[in-house]
Protein backbone atom coordinates (compact mmCIF):
# COMPACT_ATOMS: atom_id res chain seq x y z
CA UNK A 1 0.00 0.00 0.00
CA UNK A 2 1.39 3.39 -0.98
CA UNK A 3 1.82 5.97 1.73
CA UNK A 4 -0.10 9.20 1.76
CA UNK A 5 1.98 11.92 0.10
CA UNK A 6 2.45 13.87 3.33
CA UNK A 7 3.58 10.77 5.23
CA UNK A 8 5.97 9.87 2.43
CA UNK A 9 7.46 13.37 2.42
CA UNK A 10 7.88 13.32 6.19
CA UNK A 11 9.58 9.93 6.14
CA UNK A 12 11.85 11.12 3.33
CA UNK A 13 12.77 14.17 5.38
CA UNK A 14 13.57 12.04 8.44
CA UNK A 15 15.80 9.81 6.33
CA UNK A 16 17.55 12.78 4.71
CA UNK A 17 18.19 14.47 8.06
CA UNK A 18 19.46 11.20 9.54
CA UNK A 19 21.79 10.69 6.57
CA UNK A 20 23.11 14.23 6.97
CA UNK A 21 23.81 13.67 10.67
CA UNK A 22 25.58 10.39 9.94
CA UNK A 23 27.72 12.14 7.32
CA UNK A 24 28.70 14.84 9.83
CA UNK A 25 29.56 12.18 12.42
CA UNK A 26 31.76 10.40 9.88
CA UNK A 27 33.46 13.69 9.06
CA UNK A 28 34.16 14.23 12.75
CA UNK A 29 35.54 10.70 13.03
CA UNK A 30 37.81 11.40 10.05
CA UNK A 31 39.15 14.45 11.88
CA UNK A 32 39.93 12.50 15.07
CA UNK A 33 42.80 10.70 13.39
CA UNK A 34 44.18 13.96 12.07
CA UNK A 35 43.75 15.91 15.30
CA UNK A 36 46.44 16.50 17.87
CA UNK A 37 43.65 16.45 20.43
CA UNK A 38 42.54 12.88 19.82
CA UNK A 39 41.06 11.52 23.00
CA UNK A 40 41.80 8.23 24.68
CA UNK A 41 38.09 7.45 24.49
CA UNK A 42 38.07 7.52 20.68
CA UNK A 43 40.55 4.78 20.00
CA UNK A 44 40.87 3.31 16.52
CA UNK A 45 38.88 0.28 17.68
CA UNK A 46 36.09 2.48 19.01
CA UNK A 47 36.05 4.52 15.81
CA UNK A 48 35.72 1.31 13.79
CA UNK A 49 32.83 0.21 16.02
CA UNK A 50 31.14 3.57 15.49
CA UNK A 51 31.59 3.25 11.72
CA UNK A 52 30.05 -0.24 11.78
CA UNK A 53 27.03 1.10 13.65
CA UNK A 54 26.68 3.95 11.17
CA UNK A 55 26.80 1.45 8.30
CA UNK A 56 24.12 -0.60 10.07
CA UNK A 57 21.93 2.50 10.42
CA UNK A 58 22.34 3.23 6.72
CA UNK A 59 21.19 -0.30 5.88
CA UNK A 60 18.08 0.27 8.01
CA UNK A 61 17.43 3.53 6.17
CA UNK A 62 17.90 1.84 2.79
CA UNK A 63 15.41 -0.87 3.77
CA UNK A 64 12.90 1.77 4.87
CA UNK A 65 13.24 3.59 1.54
CA UNK A 66 12.58 0.33 -0.26
CA UNK A 67 9.80 -0.87 2.06
CA UNK A 68 7.84 2.36 1.90
CA UNK A 69 8.68 3.01 -1.75
CA UNK A 70 10.03 6.46 -0.94
CA UNK A 71 11.25 8.81 -3.62
CA UNK A 72 14.31 10.42 -2.16
CA UNK A 73 15.40 13.74 -3.53
CA UNK A 74 17.90 16.28 -2.39
CA UNK A 75 16.33 19.47 -1.08
CA UNK A 76 16.85 22.63 -3.06
CA UNK A 77 19.73 24.81 -1.80
CA UNK A 78 17.20 27.41 -0.63
CA UNK A 79 15.46 24.76 1.52
CA UNK A 80 18.80 23.72 3.02
CA UNK A 81 19.69 27.32 3.81
CA UNK A 82 16.29 27.99 5.35
CA UNK A 83 16.57 24.89 7.52
CA UNK A 84 20.08 25.82 8.66
CA UNK A 85 18.95 29.33 9.55
CA UNK A 86 16.00 27.94 11.50
CA UNK A 87 18.29 25.62 13.45
CA UNK A 88 20.68 28.45 14.16
CA UNK A 89 17.82 30.68 15.34
CA UNK A 90 16.73 28.00 17.84
CA UNK A 91 20.29 27.61 19.15
CA UNK A 92 20.67 31.36 19.57
CA UNK A 93 17.24 31.82 21.15
CA UNK A 94 18.11 29.11 23.67
CA UNK A 95 21.39 30.91 24.44
CA UNK A 96 19.68 34.03 25.77
CA UNK A 97 20.52 34.66 29.43
CA UNK A 98 16.91 34.09 30.52
CA UNK A 99 17.18 30.54 29.13
CA UNK A 100 20.54 29.84 30.74
CA UNK A 101 19.32 29.77 34.32
CA UNK A 102 20.46 26.74 36.24
CA UNK A 103 23.88 26.57 34.56
CA UNK A 104 25.87 27.66 37.59
CA UNK A 105 26.32 31.04 39.18
CA UNK A 106 24.13 34.01 38.36
CA UNK A 107 25.27 36.33 35.60
CA UNK A 108 27.06 39.51 36.55
CA UNK A 109 24.86 42.37 35.25
CA UNK A 110 27.51 43.54 32.77
CA UNK A 111 28.16 39.99 31.49
CA UNK A 112 24.44 39.38 31.13
CA UNK A 113 23.94 42.60 29.20
CA UNK A 114 26.92 41.90 26.93
CA UNK A 115 25.80 38.35 26.19
CA UNK A 116 22.21 39.45 25.62
CA UNK A 117 23.43 42.09 23.15
CA UNK A 118 25.65 39.55 21.37
CA UNK A 119 22.85 37.02 20.97
CA UNK A 120 20.33 39.68 19.91
CA UNK A 121 22.79 40.94 17.29
CA UNK A 122 23.22 37.40 15.96
CA UNK A 123 19.46 36.78 15.96
CA UNK A 124 18.97 39.98 13.99
CA UNK A 125 21.63 38.84 11.50
CA UNK A 126 19.84 35.50 11.11
CA UNK A 127 16.61 37.36 10.39
CA UNK A 128 18.42 39.50 7.82
CA UNK A 129 19.78 36.38 6.15
CA UNK A 130 16.28 34.87 6.09
CA UNK A 131 14.87 38.04 4.55
CA UNK A 132 17.56 38.06 1.88
CA UNK A 133 16.89 34.40 1.15
CA UNK A 134 13.16 35.04 0.83
CA UNK A 135 13.66 38.13 -1.33
CA UNK A 136 15.97 36.18 -3.60
CA UNK A 137 13.44 33.38 -3.99
CA UNK A 138 10.61 35.77 -4.86
CA UNK A 139 12.82 37.51 -7.46
CA UNK A 140 13.72 34.17 -9.07
CA UNK A 141 10.11 33.17 -9.54
């Protein structure tokens, strides 16, 4: 039985995001061997075990694509940029001093004000990037 279009799109998105995360993990593992700061916890044997698990996860994803007859496609660059900006906005919003309570000592008033200003400046820049991205897409159409 074919999936409803919305379900199929959602499953495809989950698979794409998972693949992207696995690729970033592999990239980080590649850097461990090249880094002077390699940790004792990420031994070559442990890295190989992690790579085996990643390969296993990819097999599960491949089976899901086949089982649910999903049509995988790469998102348009604009979609990727929009998603990255949304993720960055969430990270920055969660970095505001009011959201950082419970992480140790209270902020000094000057530190709090400086950090608030920094995060607000970055949030504004993210909004500017979004606006430019949206303006570009409306011009292209």
